Amino acid sequence: MAKIFCVANQKGGVGKTTTTVNLAAGLAKLDQRVLLVDLDPQGNATMGAGINKAKLTASVYEVLLGMSDVKTARLRSESGRFDVLPSNRELAGAEVEMVELENREKRLRDALALVAQDYDFILIDCPPALSMLTLNGLCAAHGVIIPMQCEYYALEGLSDLANTIKKVSASLNPDLKIVGLLRVMFDPRMTLSQQVSDQLEQHFGDKVFKTLIPRNVRLAEAPSYGIPGVVFDPSSKGAQAYIAFGAEMVERIKLLDK
């Protein structure tokens, strides 16, 4: 049965999509069966996995509205060796259309339940806002991975997100918990980065993943080729870090299951 994780942060530009795509590819390299769900209408995770969002015949939009199912809509990322439930701009309209639907917060959870046996991990790339789409992701997930930069404003946004997760856990999804905080775009030469990193470890302890994802040009270049960074340049520091993060995730899940 798949472990389902949201990659979420209400702040934009913190590496959510980069993390989701590269974690998916990193887990696939470790022989895990992975489904990436792109819940962002921008469709960046879809494109980053090498799938043309302009040529989709079915997407997560149709799945949420009950016009298709995951088995029909999913596609294969040949470069990343994982499956993708893709997204495009149509998804932006789902917010309004779902208002009238029954159990609108749990549409994604119900859809993923039908394919949970096919995967070891399902990773959901959430949009950078607390919307109906993000709420669907949080209601479907067992846990939340929070990528964050080590800067002052990131700490402010973190408390907002933690409160949101508590509310969703209390009212809609009692299984939901924070799996861990992932420090991304880390630059050890910056004093502030090190200070914020130390603060996170002091406040959150073992909730902070040991793996640090460095700032890396090759990771930034990879999406323009439609290839995950861990495949685009496996020897780069960024790729090595995401592969290490994938291994850390597998170990952490084993501990959670005990």
Protein backbone atom coordinates (compact mmCIF):
# COMPACT_ATOMS: atom_id res chain seq x y z
CA MET A 1 0.00 0.00 0.00
CA ALA A 2 1.39 3.38 -1.01
CA LYS A 3 2.61 5.99 1.43
CA ILE A 4 1.16 9.32 0.30
CA PHE A 5 3.03 12.57 0.90
CA CYS A 6 2.27 16.18 0.07
CA VAL A 7 5.15 18.49 -0.75
CA ALA A 8 3.70 21.77 0.49
CA ASN A 9 4.60 25.29 1.51
CA GLN A 10 2.34 28.33 1.31
CA LYS A 11 5.34 30.40 0.26
CA GLY A 12 6.18 30.35 -3.45
CA GLY A 13 9.62 29.80 -4.97
CA VAL A 14 10.91 27.47 -2.26
CA GLY A 15 11.62 24.46 -4.46
CA LYS A 16 8.44 22.42 -4.01
CA THR A 17 8.30 21.23 -7.61
CA THR A 18 12.05 20.63 -7.83
CA THR A 19 11.81 18.58 -4.64
CA THR A 20 8.78 16.56 -5.80
CA VAL A 21 10.23 15.69 -9.22
CA ASN A 22 13.70 14.85 -7.94
CA LEU A 23 12.45 12.90 -4.94
CA ALA A 24 10.25 10.87 -7.30
CA ALA A 25 13.22 10.15 -9.57
CA GLY A 26 15.50 9.48 -6.59
CA LEU A 27 13.04 6.96 -5.14
CA ALA A 28 12.67 5.33 -8.57
CA LYS A 29 16.47 4.89 -8.66
CA LEU A 30 16.08 3.00 -5.37
CA ASP A 31 13.59 0.65 -7.13
CA GLN A 32 10.52 2.17 -5.49
CA ARG A 33 7.25 2.36 -7.46
CA VAL A 34 6.29 6.04 -7.56
CA LEU A 35 3.33 8.14 -8.71
CA LEU A 36 3.78 11.92 -8.89
CA VAL A 37 0.52 13.91 -8.68
CA ASP A 38 0.78 17.43 -10.11
CA LEU A 39 -1.84 19.52 -8.28
CA ASP A 40 -0.53 22.87 -9.52
CA PRO A 41 -2.35 24.43 -12.53
CA GLN A 42 1.03 25.72 -13.77
CA GLY A 43 1.91 22.10 -14.60
CA ASN A 44 5.62 22.59 -13.87
CA ALA A 45 6.06 19.14 -12.32
CA THR A 46 4.40 17.62 -15.41
CA MET A 47 6.84 19.40 -17.72
CA GLY A 48 9.79 18.70 -15.44
CA ALA A 49 9.02 14.98 -15.72
CA GLY A 50 9.18 15.23 -19.51
CA ILE A 51 5.43 15.26 -20.28
CA ASN A 52 3.95 17.88 -22.62
CA LYS A 53 1.10 19.52 -20.70
CA ALA A 54 -0.31 21.01 -23.93
CA LYS A 55 -1.06 17.55 -25.36
CA LEU A 56 -2.88 15.88 -22.45
CA THR A 57 -6.04 13.92 -23.23
CA ALA A 58 -6.83 13.50 -19.53
CA SER A 59 -5.36 15.06 -16.39
CA VAL A 60 -5.87 15.47 -12.66
CA TYR A 61 -8.62 17.98 -13.55
CA GLU A 62 -10.83 15.25 -15.06
CA VAL A 63 -9.99 12.92 -12.16
CA LEU A 64 -11.08 15.44 -9.51
CA LEU A 65 -14.35 16.11 -11.33
CA GLY A 66 -15.10 12.41 -11.84
CA MET A 67 -14.76 12.48 -15.64
CA SER A 68 -11.77 10.11 -15.63
CA ASP A 69 -9.80 7.94 -13.22
CA VAL A 70 -6.14 7.77 -12.24
CA LYS A 71 -5.45 4.59 -14.22
CA THR A 72 -6.69 6.28 -17.41
CA ALA A 73 -5.07 9.68 -16.85
CA ARG A 74 -1.63 8.68 -15.56
CA LEU A 75 1.36 8.80 -17.91
CA ARG A 76 4.90 7.47 -17.68
CA SER A 77 7.95 9.68 -17.18
CA GLU A 78 10.41 7.69 -19.26
CA SER A 79 13.39 9.75 -18.10
CA GLY A 80 12.44 9.58 -14.41
CA ARG A 81 11.03 6.02 -14.41
CA PHE A 82 7.92 6.99 -12.44
CA ASP A 83 4.24 7.60 -13.24
CA VAL A 84 2.67 11.06 -13.38
CA LEU A 85 -0.91 12.23 -12.88
CA PRO A 86 -0.41 15.36 -15.00
CA SER A 87 -1.81 18.87 -14.81
CA ASN A 88 -2.34 21.92 -17.00
CA ARG A 89 -4.19 25.26 -16.89
CA GLU A 90 -7.60 23.56 -16.97
CA LEU A 91 -7.02 22.69 -13.31
CA ALA A 92 -7.44 26.32 -12.31
CA GLY A 93 -11.15 25.97 -13.12
CA ALA A 94 -11.56 22.99 -10.83
CA GLU A 95 -11.58 25.24 -7.74
CA VAL A 96 -14.92 26.76 -8.76
CA GLU A 97 -16.43 23.59 -10.23
CA MET A 98 -15.71 21.54 -7.10
CA VAL A 99 -17.66 23.87 -4.80
CA GLU A 100 -20.93 22.14 -5.66
CA LEU A 101 -19.57 18.59 -5.34
CA GLU A 102 -20.05 16.21 -2.42
CA ASN A 103 -16.98 15.53 -0.27
CA ARG A 104 -15.09 18.10 -2.33
CA GLU A 105 -12.06 18.06 0.02
CA LYS A 106 -11.65 14.29 -0.40
CA ARG A 107 -11.98 13.84 -4.17
CA LEU A 108 -8.27 13.19 -4.64
CA ARG A 109 -8.09 10.81 -1.66
CA ASP A 110 -10.91 8.69 -3.08
CA ALA A 111 -9.35 8.67 -6.57
CA LEU A 112 -5.91 7.61 -5.28
CA ALA A 113 -7.38 4.81 -3.15
CA LEU A 114 -8.08 2.90 -6.38
CA VAL A 115 -4.37 2.77 -7.33
CA ALA A 116 -2.73 2.71 -3.88
CA GLN A 117 -1.72 -0.95 -4.36
CA ASP A 118 0.24 -0.08 -7.52
CA TYR A 119 2.81 2.11 -5.74
CA ASP A 120 5.20 2.35 -2.81
CA PHE A 121 5.08 6.16 -2.79
CA ILE A 122 2.62 8.76 -4.07
CA LEU A 123 4.02 12.31 -4.04
CA ILE A 124 1.69 15.31 -4.43
CA ASP A 125 3.07 18.64 -5.66
CA CYS A 126 0.79 21.29 -4.15
CA PRO A 127 0.27 24.87 -5.38
CA PRO A 128 1.74 27.69 -3.25
CA ALA A 129 -1.54 28.67 -1.57
CA LEU A 130 -4.09 27.19 0.78
CA SER A 131 -6.69 26.47 -1.89
CA MET A 132 -9.23 23.70 -2.48
CA LEU A 133 -6.51 21.92 -4.47
CA THR A 134 -4.02 22.05 -1.59
CA LEU A 135 -6.77 20.94 0.79
CA ASN A 136 -7.40 17.91 -1.43
CA GLY A 137 -3.70 17.09 -1.27
CA LEU A 138 -3.61 17.40 2.53
CA CYS A 139 -6.73 15.26 2.93
CA ALA A 140 -5.24 12.52 0.73
CA ALA A 141 -1.83 12.41 2.41
CA HIS A 142 -0.35 10.53 5.34
CA GLY A 143 2.21 13.26 5.85
CA VAL A 144 3.64 16.55 4.65
CA ILE A 145 7.18 17.26 3.48
CA ILE A 146 7.97 20.97 3.83
CA PRO A 147 10.81 22.27 1.66
CA MET A 148 12.14 25.59 2.90
CA GLN A 149 14.98 27.99 2.34
CA CYS A 150 17.06 28.97 5.35
CA GLU A 151 16.03 32.61 5.48
CA TYR A 152 14.09 34.78 7.90
CA TYR A 153 10.74 34.98 6.04
CA ALA A 154 10.68 31.19 5.66
CA LEU A 155 10.32 30.84 9.44
CA GLU A 156 7.25 33.10 9.46
CA GLY A 157 5.56 31.07 6.72
CA LEU A 158 6.37 27.83 8.50
CA SER A 159 4.22 28.65 11.54
CA ASP A 160 1.24 29.44 9.25
CA LEU A 161 1.62 26.13 7.44
CA ALA A 162 2.00 24.18 10.70
CA ASN A 163 -1.28 25.71 11.94
CA THR A 164 -3.02 24.78 8.69
CA ILE A 165 -1.82 21.18 8.98
CA LYS A 166 -3.08 21.02 12.59
CA LYS A 167 -6.53 22.25 11.52
CA VAL A 168 -6.78 19.76 8.64
CA SER A 169 -5.62 16.96 10.95
CA ALA A 170 -8.21 17.91 13.58
CA SER A 171 -11.20 18.22 11.25
CA LEU A 172 -10.60 16.29 8.01
CA ASN A 173 -7.62 13.92 8.10
CA PRO A 174 -6.50 12.60 11.51
CA ASP A 175 -3.63 10.65 9.87
CA LEU A 176 -1.95 13.83 8.65
CA LYS A 177 1.36 14.81 10.24
CA ILE A 178 4.51 16.70 9.35
CA VAL A 179 7.00 14.09 8.14
CA GLY A 180 9.90 16.52 8.03
CA LEU A 181 11.41 19.83 7.01
CA LEU A 182 13.80 19.78 4.05
CA ARG A 183 16.38 22.55 3.82
CA VAL A 184 16.73 23.49 0.14
CA MET A 185 18.85 25.95 -1.90
CA PHE A 186 21.28 25.84 1.02
CA ASP A 187 24.40 27.99 0.78
CA PRO A 188 26.85 27.24 3.62
CA ARG A 189 28.81 30.42 2.82
CA MET A 190 25.91 32.57 4.04
CA THR A 191 25.88 33.13 7.80
CA LEU A 192 22.08 33.60 7.81
CA SER A 193 21.56 30.20 6.14
CA GLN A 194 23.58 28.51 8.86
CA GLN A 195 21.83 30.44 11.64
CA VAL A 196 18.33 29.58 10.38
CA SER A 197 19.38 25.97 9.82
CA ASP A 198 20.60 25.78 13.44
CA GLN A 199 17.33 27.33 14.68
CA LEU A 200 15.28 24.75 12.78
CA GLU A 201 17.28 21.90 14.32
CA GLN A 202 16.87 23.38 17.81
CA HIS A 203 13.10 23.87 17.48
CA PHE A 204 12.11 20.83 15.43
CA GLY A 205 14.81 18.29 16.30
CA ASP A 206 14.47 15.05 14.34
CA LYS A 207 11.65 16.54 12.22
CA VAL A 208 14.44 18.23 10.22
CA PHE A 209 15.82 15.93 7.54
CA LYS A 210 19.57 15.40 7.80
CA THR A 211 19.99 15.85 4.05
CA LEU A 212 20.77 19.40 2.88
CA ILE A 213 19.92 20.33 -0.72
CA PRO A 214 22.50 22.84 -2.00
CA ARG A 215 22.02 25.62 -4.50
CA ASN A 216 22.88 23.93 -7.79
CA VAL A 217 22.88 25.20 -11.39
CA ARG A 218 22.38 21.73 -12.87
CA LEU A 219 19.15 21.22 -10.88
CA ALA A 220 17.89 24.55 -12.22
CA GLU A 221 18.77 23.65 -15.82
CA ALA A 222 17.17 20.20 -15.84
CA PRO A 223 13.45 21.21 -16.16
CA SER A 224 14.08 22.99 -19.47
CA TYR A 225 15.11 19.58 -20.88
CA GLY A 226 12.13 17.79 -19.32
CA ILE A 227 14.46 15.58 -17.27
CA PRO A 228 14.66 15.31 -13.46
CA GLY A 229 17.92 16.74 -12.11
CA VAL A 230 18.98 13.39 -10.62
CA VAL A 231 18.89 11.93 -14.16
CA PHE A 232 20.09 15.03 -16.06
CA ASP A 233 23.42 15.15 -14.21
CA PRO A 234 23.65 12.34 -11.62
CA SER A 235 27.14 13.43 -10.54
CA SER A 236 26.11 17.00 -9.60
CA LYS A 237 25.94 17.94 -5.93
CA GLY A 238 22.21 18.67 -6.18
CA ALA A 239 21.43 15.29 -7.75
CA GLN A 240 23.53 13.46 -5.17
CA ALA A 241 21.69 15.30 -2.39
CA TYR A 242 18.24 14.33 -3.71
CA ILE A 243 19.28 10.68 -4.08
CA ALA A 244 20.50 10.80 -0.46
CA PHE A 245 17.17 12.39 0.51
CA GLY A 246 15.29 9.55 -1.20
CA ALA A 247 17.27 7.03 0.84
CA GLU A 248 16.59 9.02 4.02
CA MET A 249 12.85 9.04 3.22
CA VAL A 250 12.80 5.24 2.82
CA GLU A 251 14.54 4.85 6.18
CA ARG A 252 12.23 7.34 7.88
CA ILE A 253 9.15 5.49 6.62
CA LYS A 254 10.50 2.24 8.07
CA LEU A 255 10.80 3.98 11.45
CA LEU A 256 7.28 5.43 11.19
CA ASP A 257 5.89 1.96 10.45
CA LYS A 258 7.41 0.43 13.60
